[in-house]
Each structure stands twice: as C-alpha cells, then as structure tokens.
C-alpha cells in the first residue's frame, strides 16, 4: 500500500471516528481544549496590541470568555475563531514535519496550558480542566512513542481546525442574533452584520483546512 493510499484511508477513518464520537465523552476534552485555544487567541491579540487581559473563563458547556481592557478590540474579536484555526494548522504542520520531535511539542503544549491556566483562568471548571489536560499532555509526551505522539498532535490539530468551522457555523451562521464575536465585531466596525463576518471566517477556515489536507496528501 503506497503512502497516499494510507493517507486517504487514515484520514477517512479519523473523520469517520470523529463524526460518530463527536457528542460523546471521548471527544469532549478536545472540544474544551479548542475553546481554551479560542480564548487564548483573544488574549494574545489583546497583549500584542498593548491591552491587558483581566481573566479567562471556561464552562462545561463548551463556552468561554476573555475579559480585557485596552488593545485593539477589532483584532481581539477577530482572533478567537481564526486563532484556534491557526493553532490547529500549526499543530498539524508540526505533526507532519519530520525534523520536529513530536514529544517535545506535546510536552510544550501541556506546559503552556498549565502556565496560562494558573495565571489567567478564573473559573473553577477552567482551572481544573487546564491543569488536568496540561498534565495529561506532559505525561503522554513522555510515555508514548513518537508515532503515537504524532497521532496525538494530528488529532489535536485536525480537531481544532474542524471545530473552528463547526463553531462558526453553530454560533454565527445558524444563530446570527446571539451576541457572538462576529456580532460584536459588526457593531464595533459598523460593517455588515454577524452573518457577513461569520461567512468570511468560515470561508478562511475551509480554505486553510483544504490547503492543509492538500499539503499533507502531497507529502504522503
């Protein structure tokens, strides 16, 4: 079996498994992890434009919020969905880069999650999740082999990219009336509405995800 055929079969199995397990406890921690990436992306955009992050909260219902002062609000509000997509792309690319040690990447992700949780997350559920997930990532990076570290990194990257697409659809396109990031961005800029921004973001997310798949297929 050649590499490209293995790639097609492997990713077919992955997406089938993710589809059937999407609403089960198996995938639930991955969803919360992506929500955390979403909120951290808001925070990074605030920091990079001179603002201050007061706190980050997560809840068990796959929701979260980043409270900040100052910074560029437009960039900060845009950074959530696109940021989790970018994190997914970086993890996916790292998993497919032969020169990068996957166990180091997974360990670094775990350590970063713990540190950011301790300093910025201020909800009980968010603190418990961040510390547990980070510790699990560090433990896994040390105890599983390189091939399984690669598979773990691929799973995190693909789930993050896919969840960004589904989250934009669910939070913005299906429910444009709720006070989402896109709703607040439209209000702040006076440009379009939540649906317009949601459509733009989901277009970018699909474009990036497609590019990642094509790149991985070409390298297989």
Protein backbone atom coordinates (compact mmCIF):
# COMPACT_ATOMS: atom_id res chain seq x y z
CA UNK A 1 0.00 0.00 0.00
CA UNK A 2 1.54 3.33 -1.04
CA UNK A 3 1.75 6.40 1.17
CA UNK A 4 -1.05 8.34 -0.48
CA UNK A 5 -3.48 5.44 -0.17
CA UNK A 6 -2.57 5.06 3.50
CA UNK A 7 -3.13 8.79 3.92
CA UNK A 8 -6.62 8.63 2.38
CA UNK A 9 -7.60 5.60 4.45
CA UNK A 10 -6.13 7.03 7.65
CA UNK A 11 -7.87 10.37 7.40
CA UNK A 12 -11.07 8.73 6.27
CA UNK A 13 -11.06 6.63 9.43
CA UNK A 14 -10.19 9.66 11.54
CA UNK A 15 -13.05 11.79 10.26
CA UNK A 16 -15.49 8.88 10.47
CA UNK A 17 -14.48 8.25 14.07
CA UNK A 18 -14.67 11.93 14.96
CA UNK A 19 -18.11 12.18 13.35
CA UNK A 20 -19.57 9.25 15.27
CA UNK A 21 -17.91 10.19 18.56
CA UNK A 22 -18.48 13.97 18.29
CA UNK A 23 -21.13 14.15 21.02
CA UNK A 24 -19.53 11.58 23.33
CA UNK A 25 -17.17 11.98 26.32
CA UNK A 26 -14.32 10.74 24.11
CA UNK A 27 -14.16 13.95 22.08
CA UNK A 28 -15.39 16.29 24.83
CA UNK A 29 -11.91 17.14 26.25
CA UNK A 30 -10.71 18.01 22.75
CA UNK A 31 -13.62 20.42 22.32
CA UNK A 32 -12.84 22.18 25.62
CA UNK A 33 -9.19 22.36 24.60
CA UNK A 34 -10.19 24.14 21.38
CA UNK A 35 -12.39 26.55 23.37
CA UNK A 36 -9.33 27.31 25.51
CA UNK A 37 -7.29 27.96 22.34
CA UNK A 38 -10.08 30.27 21.16
CA UNK A 39 -9.92 32.33 24.35
CA UNK A 40 -6.12 32.35 24.43
CA UNK A 41 -6.13 33.67 20.87
CA UNK A 42 -8.29 36.58 22.02
CA UNK A 43 -5.79 37.17 24.83
CA UNK A 44 -2.75 37.08 22.55
CA UNK A 45 -4.37 39.63 20.22
CA UNK A 46 -5.05 41.89 23.21
CA UNK A 47 -1.48 41.59 24.52
CA UNK A 48 0.07 42.15 21.10
CA UNK A 49 -1.84 45.42 20.68
CA UNK A 50 -0.99 46.85 24.09
CA UNK A 51 -4.02 45.73 26.10
CA UNK A 52 -4.34 43.89 29.40
CA UNK A 53 -6.11 40.57 29.95
CA UNK A 54 -8.01 40.53 33.22
CA UNK A 55 -9.19 36.93 33.19
CA UNK A 56 -10.30 33.98 31.07
CA UNK A 57 -13.24 31.76 31.96
CA UNK A 58 -14.35 28.37 30.66
CA UNK A 59 -17.54 26.49 31.41
CA UNK A 60 -18.59 22.84 30.97
CA UNK A 61 -20.95 23.78 28.12
CA UNK A 62 -18.13 24.47 25.65
CA UNK A 63 -18.29 28.18 26.30
CA UNK A 64 -15.74 30.71 27.44
CA UNK A 65 -14.96 34.40 27.70
CA UNK A 66 -11.91 36.65 27.77
CA UNK A 67 -12.16 39.86 29.78
CA UNK A 68 -9.71 42.57 28.79
CA UNK A 69 -9.06 46.27 28.78
CA UNK A 70 -7.33 48.30 26.07
CA UNK A 71 -5.76 46.84 22.98
CA UNK A 72 -7.29 46.70 19.52
CA UNK A 73 -10.82 45.41 20.02
CA UNK A 74 -11.30 44.65 16.33
CA UNK A 75 -8.25 42.38 16.18
CA UNK A 76 -9.11 40.85 19.54
CA UNK A 77 -12.64 39.92 18.48
CA UNK A 78 -11.42 38.51 15.18
CA UNK A 79 -8.75 36.39 16.81
CA UNK A 80 -10.94 33.78 18.53
CA UNK A 81 -12.15 31.51 15.74
CA UNK A 82 -9.28 32.30 13.39
CA UNK A 83 -6.80 31.86 16.21
CA UNK A 84 -7.98 28.35 17.09
CA UNK A 85 -7.82 27.57 13.37
CA UNK A 86 -4.21 28.85 13.26
CA UNK A 87 -3.26 26.79 16.32
CA UNK A 88 -4.75 23.76 14.60
CA UNK A 89 -2.76 24.46 11.44
CA UNK A 90 0.47 24.84 13.42
CA UNK A 91 -0.09 21.57 15.29
CA UNK A 92 -0.99 19.76 12.09
CA UNK A 93 2.09 21.13 10.33
CA UNK A 94 4.35 20.20 13.26
CA UNK A 95 2.98 16.67 13.23
CA UNK A 96 3.90 16.32 9.56
CA UNK A 97 7.36 17.87 9.86
CA UNK A 98 9.96 15.11 10.15
CA UNK A 99 12.58 17.39 11.75
CA UNK A 100 10.38 18.26 14.73
CA UNK A 101 10.18 15.97 17.75
CA UNK A 102 6.51 15.40 18.45
CA UNK A 103 7.01 14.53 22.13
CA UNK A 104 8.64 17.93 22.72
CA UNK A 105 5.76 19.71 21.03
CA UNK A 106 3.12 17.85 23.03
CA UNK A 107 5.03 18.44 26.26
CA UNK A 108 5.33 22.14 25.46
CA UNK A 109 1.60 22.35 24.75
CA UNK A 110 0.87 20.75 28.11
CA UNK A 111 3.22 23.07 29.99
CA UNK A 112 1.84 26.15 28.23
CA UNK A 113 -1.74 25.17 29.04
CA UNK A 114 -0.88 24.74 32.75
CA UNK A 115 1.02 28.04 33.00
CA UNK A 116 -1.66 30.09 31.21
CA UNK A 117 -4.37 28.40 33.26
CA UNK A 118 -2.67 29.27 36.54
CA UNK A 119 -2.09 32.91 35.58
CA UNK A 120 -5.27 33.78 33.71
CA UNK A 121 -8.14 31.29 34.02
CA UNK A 122 -10.50 32.26 36.82
CA UNK A 123 -13.34 29.74 36.66
CA UNK A 124 -13.30 26.55 38.74
CA UNK A 125 -14.05 24.31 35.79
CA UNK A 126 -11.48 26.06 33.61
CA UNK A 127 -8.74 25.76 36.22
CA UNK A 128 -9.44 22.06 36.81
CA UNK A 129 -9.57 21.32 33.09
CA UNK A 130 -6.43 23.29 32.23
CA UNK A 131 -4.30 21.64 34.90
CA UNK A 132 -5.63 18.14 34.19
CA UNK A 133 -5.34 18.46 30.41
CA UNK A 134 -1.88 20.00 30.60
CA UNK A 135 -0.64 17.28 32.95
CA UNK A 136 -2.13 14.60 30.69
CA UNK A 137 -0.32 16.07 27.68
CA UNK A 138 3.03 16.16 29.51
CA UNK A 139 2.56 12.59 30.74
CA UNK A 140 1.56 11.34 27.31
CA UNK A 141 4.51 13.07 25.65
CA UNK A 142 6.91 11.15 27.89
CA UNK A 143 5.26 7.76 27.92
CA UNK A 144 4.03 7.11 24.41
CA UNK A 145 6.30 6.63 21.42
CA UNK A 146 7.00 9.07 18.62
CA UNK A 147 4.37 7.61 16.30
CA UNK A 148 1.65 7.98 18.94
CA UNK A 149 2.84 11.49 19.80
CA UNK A 150 2.47 12.29 16.11
CA UNK A 151 -1.04 10.85 16.06
CA UNK A 152 -1.96 12.80 19.18
CA UNK A 153 -0.66 16.03 17.63
CA UNK A 154 -2.53 15.34 14.39
CA UNK A 155 -5.72 14.70 16.35
CA UNK A 156 -5.37 17.99 18.24
CA UNK A 157 -4.62 19.92 15.06
CA UNK A 158 -7.39 18.44 12.97
CA UNK A 159 -9.96 18.70 15.74
CA UNK A 160 -9.05 22.35 16.30
CA UNK A 161 -9.42 23.19 12.61
CA UNK A 162 -12.66 21.23 12.22
CA UNK A 163 -14.18 22.58 15.44
CA UNK A 164 -13.41 26.15 14.34
CA UNK A 165 -15.50 25.57 11.22
CA UNK A 166 -18.37 23.91 13.08
CA UNK A 167 -18.28 26.52 15.86
CA UNK A 168 -18.54 29.42 13.40
CA UNK A 169 -21.49 27.72 11.72
CA UNK A 170 -23.26 26.98 15.01
CA UNK A 171 -22.57 30.25 16.84
CA UNK A 172 -22.84 32.71 13.95
CA UNK A 173 -24.42 31.42 10.76
CA UNK A 174 -27.12 29.34 12.48
CA UNK A 175 -27.78 31.88 15.26
CA UNK A 176 -26.84 35.33 13.97
CA UNK A 177 -28.95 37.02 16.64
CA UNK A 178 -26.77 35.96 19.61
CA UNK A 179 -24.02 38.24 20.95
CA UNK A 180 -21.11 36.39 19.35
CA UNK A 181 -17.65 37.65 18.40
CA UNK A 182 -18.97 38.38 14.90
CA UNK A 183 -21.97 40.26 16.28
CA UNK A 184 -19.73 42.46 18.44
CA UNK A 185 -17.29 43.00 15.57
CA UNK A 186 -20.08 44.16 13.26
CA UNK A 187 -21.28 46.51 15.99
CA UNK A 188 -17.78 47.90 16.63
CA UNK A 189 -16.90 48.46 12.98
CA UNK A 190 -20.31 49.33 11.55
CA UNK A 191 -19.51 46.98 8.69
CA UNK A 192 -22.08 44.36 7.72
CA UNK A 193 -23.58 42.04 10.30
CA UNK A 194 -22.73 38.84 12.19
CA UNK A 195 -23.59 36.67 9.20
CA UNK A 196 -21.20 38.57 6.93
CA UNK A 197 -18.27 38.19 9.32
CA UNK A 198 -19.19 34.57 10.03
CA UNK A 199 -19.27 33.77 6.32
CA UNK A 200 -15.86 35.42 5.85
CA UNK A 201 -14.34 33.49 8.77
CA UNK A 202 -15.77 30.13 7.71
CA UNK A 203 -14.51 30.72 4.16
CA UNK A 204 -11.00 31.32 5.53
CA UNK A 205 -11.29 28.26 7.80
CA UNK A 206 -12.35 25.98 4.95
CA UNK A 207 -9.63 27.40 2.70
CA UNK A 208 -6.90 26.80 5.30
CA UNK A 209 -8.18 23.32 6.15
CA UNK A 210 -8.28 22.36 2.48
CA UNK A 211 -4.74 23.65 1.98
CA UNK A 212 -3.54 21.57 4.94
CA UNK A 213 -5.14 18.42 3.53
CA UNK A 214 -3.63 19.00 0.08
CA UNK A 215 -0.21 19.65 1.57
CA UNK A 216 -0.36 16.54 3.74
CA UNK A 217 -1.53 14.45 0.78
CA UNK A 218 1.32 15.72 -1.41
CA UNK A 219 3.85 14.86 1.32
CA UNK A 220 2.42 11.37 1.94
